[in-house]
Every structure is written in C-alpha cells, then in structure tokens.
Amino acid sequence: MIMVRAIVRPEKKDELLAELSAAGFHAATVVDVVGRGKQKGITIGGVVYDEIPKSLIMMAVPEASKDELVALIIKHAKSTGEGAFGDGKIFISPVEEVYTVSTGAAGL
C-alpha cells in the first residue's frame, strides 16, 4: 500500500477529485495549504507573495494502482495543456499499516 500526496492548484481541486472518483478512487483527504516551490513565490508590483494557496490531496491506495493514479493527477492538475510552474507535486511513500477506527479492522 502507498500514500499519494498531491499538491495542486486550488482551482484544479474539484475537477481532479471528480475525475479521481469517476476512475474509482473515491477516498481522499483534502486540506487547503499554503507554500512555495521552485518559483520562490510570486512578485507583483514589488511585493513578494511567498505563501501561495494550494490544495493537498492525500490518498492511500494499493501499490498496483500507483501508475494509474499518478497519470490521472498529472492529466487533470495541469493549468494548461503543456503545464506551468506552480502546477504542483506528487509525493509517494509506503504505508506500513492501516486500521479503520470504527471497527479496528486492518487494511483498506
């Protein structure tokens, strides 16, 4: 099992969640966050904004679903057909164990 964390533009969040759900990836945790990437924020009229709004989407999925999930995120999170700075990042890490709180059952 893996944890996929996708940081995307907030205006792409709803479209991305709808596409993920249509593909069978229904369970997601979404958090509004701020941060900056390689672009070091943006400068407008001499003012530097280094806390750019983003959305963090987290999903625990079987490792076999990784390629499909990553492809969907990349396809639907781009701001343009070609992509642009600030479109986001995808982080993947292993998940050792998962438990459902209500039942205590292990696994997804």
C-alpha atoms as a PDB file:
ATOM      1  CA  MET A   1       0.000   0.000   0.000  1.00  0.00           C
ATOM      2  CA  ILE A   2       1.162   3.546  -0.709  1.00  0.00           C
ATOM      3  CA  MET A   3       0.234   7.075   0.317  1.00  0.00           C
ATOM      4  CA  VAL A   4      -0.061   9.526  -2.556  1.00  0.00           C
ATOM      5  CA  ARG A   5       0.109  13.200  -1.658  1.00  0.00           C
ATOM      6  CA  ALA A   6      -0.656  15.602  -4.481  1.00  0.00           C
ATOM      7  CA  ILE A   7      -0.195  19.336  -4.041  1.00  0.00           C
ATOM      8  CA  VAL A   8      -2.220  21.095  -6.747  1.00  0.00           C
ATOM      9  CA  ARG A   9      -3.618  24.483  -7.652  1.00  0.00           C
ATOM     10  CA  PRO A  10      -6.841  25.094  -5.682  1.00  0.00           C
ATOM     11  CA  GLU A  11      -8.793  25.861  -8.856  1.00  0.00           C
ATOM     12  CA  LYS A  12      -7.984  22.342 -10.139  1.00  0.00           C
ATOM     13  CA  LYS A  13      -9.050  20.555  -6.923  1.00  0.00           C
ATOM     14  CA  ASP A  14     -12.734  19.965  -7.729  1.00  0.00           C
ATOM     15  CA  GLU A  15     -12.102  18.797 -11.294  1.00  0.00           C
ATOM     16  CA  LEU A  16      -9.333  16.484 -10.114  1.00  0.00           C
ATOM     17  CA  LEU A  17     -11.450  14.983  -7.311  1.00  0.00           C
ATOM     18  CA  ALA A  18     -14.329  14.373  -9.736  1.00  0.00           C
ATOM     19  CA  GLU A  19     -12.033  12.626 -12.227  1.00  0.00           C
ATOM     20  CA  LEU A  20     -10.409  10.534  -9.487  1.00  0.00           C
ATOM     21  CA  SER A  21     -13.818   9.459  -8.194  1.00  0.00           C
ATOM     22  CA  ALA A  22     -15.006   8.597 -11.723  1.00  0.00           C
ATOM     23  CA  ALA A  23     -11.935   6.352 -12.035  1.00  0.00           C
ATOM     24  CA  GLY A  24     -12.792   4.551  -8.794  1.00  0.00           C
ATOM     25  CA  PHE A  25     -10.542   6.493  -6.407  1.00  0.00           C
ATOM     26  CA  HIS A  26     -13.260   7.734  -4.046  1.00  0.00           C
ATOM     27  CA  ALA A  27     -11.454   8.052  -0.698  1.00  0.00           C
ATOM     28  CA  ALA A  28      -9.409  11.223  -0.321  1.00  0.00           C
ATOM     29  CA  THR A  29      -8.406  13.691   2.350  1.00  0.00           C
ATOM     30  CA  VAL A  30      -8.213  17.294   1.153  1.00  0.00           C
ATOM     31  CA  VAL A  31      -6.501  20.123   3.012  1.00  0.00           C
ATOM     32  CA  ASP A  32      -6.083  23.733   1.930  1.00  0.00           C
ATOM     33  CA  VAL A  33      -2.427  24.668   2.415  1.00  0.00           C
ATOM     34  CA  VAL A  34      -0.010  27.470   1.546  1.00  0.00           C
ATOM     35  CA  GLY A  35       3.582  27.222   0.440  1.00  0.00           C
ATOM     36  CA  ARG A  36       6.049  27.867  -2.318  1.00  0.00           C
ATOM     37  CA  GLY A  37       8.072  25.787  -4.706  1.00  0.00           C
ATOM     38  CA  LYS A  38      10.987  26.364  -7.014  1.00  0.00           C
ATOM     39  CA  GLN A  39       9.464  29.612  -8.246  1.00  0.00           C
ATOM     40  CA  LYS A  40      10.066  31.104  -4.740  1.00  0.00           C
ATOM     41  CA  GLY A  41       6.607  32.678  -4.698  1.00  0.00           C
ATOM     42  CA  ILE A  42       5.477  35.444  -6.996  1.00  0.00           C
ATOM     43  CA  THR A  43       6.289  39.157  -7.161  1.00  0.00           C
ATOM     44  CA  ILE A  44       3.565  41.639  -8.055  1.00  0.00           C
ATOM     45  CA  GLY A  45       4.416  45.334  -8.104  1.00  0.00           C
ATOM     46  CA  GLY A  46       7.419  44.896  -5.868  1.00  0.00           C
ATOM     47  CA  VAL A  47       5.544  42.814  -3.291  1.00  0.00           C
ATOM     48  CA  VAL A  48       6.677  39.204  -2.858  1.00  0.00           C
ATOM     49  CA  TYR A  49       3.990  36.641  -2.099  1.00  0.00           C
ATOM     50  CA  ASP A  50       5.757  33.524  -0.883  1.00  0.00           C
ATOM     51  CA  GLU A  51       2.758  31.763   0.647  1.00  0.00           C
ATOM     52  CA  ILE A  52       0.840  30.627  -2.422  1.00  0.00           C
ATOM     53  CA  PRO A  53      -2.523  28.863  -1.832  1.00  0.00           C
ATOM     54  CA  LYS A  54      -2.560  25.178  -2.837  1.00  0.00           C
ATOM     55  CA  SER A  55      -4.671  22.097  -2.136  1.00  0.00           C
ATOM     56  CA  LEU A  56      -3.193  18.917  -0.693  1.00  0.00           C
ATOM     57  CA  ILE A  57      -4.983  15.721  -1.719  1.00  0.00           C
ATOM     58  CA  MET A  58      -3.967  12.556   0.151  1.00  0.00           C
ATOM     59  CA  MET A  59      -4.981   9.043  -0.846  1.00  0.00           C
ATOM     60  CA  ALA A  60      -3.946   5.619   0.438  1.00  0.00           C
ATOM     61  CA  VAL A  61      -4.168   3.079  -2.405  1.00  0.00           C
ATOM     62  CA  PRO A  62      -2.811  -0.343  -3.333  1.00  0.00           C
ATOM     63  CA  GLU A  63       0.646  -0.081  -4.901  1.00  0.00           C
ATOM     64  CA  ALA A  64      -0.721  -1.658  -8.095  1.00  0.00           C
ATOM     65  CA  SER A  65      -2.869   1.490  -8.595  1.00  0.00           C
ATOM     66  CA  LYS A  66       0.084   3.903  -8.448  1.00  0.00           C
ATOM     67  CA  ASP A  67       0.689   4.406 -12.177  1.00  0.00           C
ATOM     68  CA  GLU A  68      -2.993   4.944 -12.981  1.00  0.00           C
ATOM     69  CA  LEU A  69      -3.453   7.378 -10.098  1.00  0.00           C
ATOM     70  CA  VAL A  70      -0.316   9.395 -10.897  1.00  0.00           C
ATOM     71  CA  ALA A  71      -1.305   9.620 -14.580  1.00  0.00           C
ATOM     72  CA  LEU A  72      -4.777  10.909 -13.653  1.00  0.00           C
ATOM     73  CA  ILE A  73      -3.352  13.535 -11.310  1.00  0.00           C
ATOM     74  CA  ILE A  74      -0.851  14.752 -13.893  1.00  0.00           C
ATOM     75  CA  LYS A  75      -3.502  14.888 -16.616  1.00  0.00           C
ATOM     76  CA  HIS A  76      -6.098  16.823 -14.608  1.00  0.00           C
ATOM     77  CA  ALA A  77      -3.930  19.036 -12.389  1.00  0.00           C
ATOM     78  CA  LYS A  78      -2.104  20.888 -15.166  1.00  0.00           C
ATOM     79  CA  SER A  79      -3.142  24.516 -15.524  1.00  0.00           C
ATOM     80  CA  THR A  80      -2.668  24.354 -19.292  1.00  0.00           C
ATOM     81  CA  GLY A  81      -2.223  21.533 -21.770  1.00  0.00           C
ATOM     82  CA  GLU A  82       1.536  21.978 -21.524  1.00  0.00           C
ATOM     83  CA  GLY A  83       1.768  22.555 -17.773  1.00  0.00           C
ATOM     84  CA  ALA A  84       3.311  25.506 -15.954  1.00  0.00           C
ATOM     85  CA  PHE A  85       5.358  26.403 -12.888  1.00  0.00           C
ATOM     86  CA  GLY A  86       3.225  26.050  -9.793  1.00  0.00           C
ATOM     87  CA  ASP A  87       1.052  23.193 -11.072  1.00  0.00           C
ATOM     88  CA  GLY A  88       2.150  21.105  -8.096  1.00  0.00           C
ATOM     89  CA  LYS A  89       3.988  17.997  -6.976  1.00  0.00           C
ATOM     90  CA  ILE A  90       3.138  14.364  -6.287  1.00  0.00           C
ATOM     91  CA  PHE A  91       4.787  12.557  -3.383  1.00  0.00           C
ATOM     92  CA  ILE A  92       4.559   8.786  -2.934  1.00  0.00           C
ATOM     93  CA  SER A  93       5.540   6.909   0.191  1.00  0.00           C
ATOM     94  CA  PRO A  94       4.960   3.431   1.583  1.00  0.00           C
ATOM     95  CA  VAL A  95       2.221   2.787   4.143  1.00  0.00           C
ATOM     96  CA  GLU A  96       3.039   0.054   6.610  1.00  0.00           C
ATOM     97  CA  GLU A  97      -0.366  -0.389   8.235  1.00  0.00           C
ATOM     98  CA  VAL A  98      -3.911   0.985   8.069  1.00  0.00           C
ATOM     99  CA  TYR A  99      -6.719   0.500  10.577  1.00  0.00           C
ATOM    100  CA  THR A 100     -10.373   1.533  10.433  1.00  0.00           C
ATOM    101  CA  VAL A 101     -11.188   3.340  13.673  1.00  0.00           C
ATOM    102  CA  SER A 102     -14.827   2.236  13.931  1.00  0.00           C
ATOM    103  CA  THR A 103     -14.153  -1.489  13.516  1.00  0.00           C
ATOM    104  CA  GLY A 104     -10.466  -1.871  14.293  1.00  0.00           C
ATOM    105  CA  ALA A 105     -10.103  -3.800  11.034  1.00  0.00           C
ATOM    106  CA  ALA A 106      -6.700  -3.743   9.355  1.00  0.00           C
ATOM    107  CA  GLY A 107      -6.276  -2.818   5.683  1.00  0.00           C
ATOM    108  CA  LEU A 108      -8.153  -0.604   3.272  1.00  0.00           C
END
